[in-house]
């Protein structure tokens, strides 16, 4: 099944947030971006290890409930 625009958008947001945290070491801001986008409870099981590594750090922030990491 092909990805829809919404899935590509979500993938892009998570990639950008992972880069933000990796480059600037600021999981609070990265978590804020995900929470504002309503993405704090997404199942991340299909993401690459690059994203998962950073999302594990971000997931420790208040209000984050990512799964599949």
Protein backbone atom coordinates (compact mmCIF):
# COMPACT_ATOMS: atom_id res chain seq x y z
CA UNK A 1 0.00 0.00 0.00
CA UNK A 2 1.38 3.40 -0.98
CA UNK A 3 1.81 6.16 1.55
CA UNK A 4 -0.58 9.07 1.45
CA UNK A 5 0.32 12.73 1.81
CA UNK A 6 -0.49 12.70 5.51
CA UNK A 7 1.94 9.83 6.13
CA UNK A 8 4.72 11.58 4.20
CA UNK A 9 4.04 14.76 6.18
CA UNK A 10 4.22 12.86 9.48
CA UNK A 11 7.46 11.14 8.42
CA UNK A 12 8.93 14.55 7.58
CA UNK A 13 7.96 16.04 10.92
CA UNK A 14 9.55 13.16 12.82
CA UNK A 15 12.72 13.33 10.71
CA UNK A 16 12.97 17.09 11.28
CA UNK A 17 12.43 16.71 15.03
CA UNK A 18 15.08 13.97 15.19
CA UNK A 19 17.52 16.28 13.37
CA UNK A 20 16.62 19.18 15.67
CA UNK A 21 17.45 17.11 18.71
CA UNK A 22 20.60 15.59 17.23
CA UNK A 23 22.01 18.94 16.10
CA UNK A 24 20.96 21.09 19.06
CA UNK A 25 20.52 18.59 21.90
CA UNK A 26 17.25 20.13 23.02
CA UNK A 27 14.63 17.43 23.60
CA UNK A 28 12.28 19.91 25.29
CA UNK A 29 11.87 21.93 22.09
CA UNK A 30 11.67 18.80 19.96
CA UNK A 31 8.92 17.41 22.22
CA UNK A 32 7.08 20.74 22.06
CA UNK A 33 6.99 20.53 18.25
CA UNK A 34 5.52 17.01 18.37
CA UNK A 35 2.96 17.97 21.02
CA UNK A 36 1.86 21.06 19.07
CA UNK A 37 1.40 18.87 15.99
CA UNK A 38 -0.66 16.35 18.02
CA UNK A 39 1.94 13.64 17.43
CA UNK A 40 2.97 12.84 21.00
CA UNK A 41 1.32 9.39 21.03
CA UNK A 42 2.34 8.02 17.61
CA UNK A 43 3.52 4.43 17.20
CA UNK A 44 7.05 4.76 15.82
CA UNK A 45 7.72 1.07 15.12
CA UNK A 46 8.27 1.62 11.37
CA UNK A 47 10.74 4.51 11.71
CA UNK A 48 14.45 4.20 10.98
CA UNK A 49 16.91 3.69 13.83
CA UNK A 50 18.14 7.29 13.34
CA UNK A 51 14.74 8.67 14.28
CA UNK A 52 14.15 6.09 17.02
CA UNK A 53 17.46 6.90 18.72
CA UNK A 54 16.51 10.56 19.02
CA UNK A 55 12.83 9.89 19.77
CA UNK A 56 13.80 7.72 22.76
CA UNK A 57 15.47 10.80 24.22
CA UNK A 58 12.58 13.09 23.32
CA UNK A 59 10.06 10.60 24.71
CA UNK A 60 11.42 11.21 28.22
CA UNK A 61 10.00 14.73 28.17
CA UNK A 62 6.76 15.59 29.99
CA UNK A 63 3.63 14.68 28.03
CA UNK A 64 5.37 12.42 25.52
CA UNK A 65 3.89 8.94 25.03
CA UNK A 66 5.49 7.63 21.84
CA UNK A 67 5.35 3.85 21.39
CA UNK A 68 7.25 1.35 19.27
CA UNK A 69 10.67 2.74 20.07
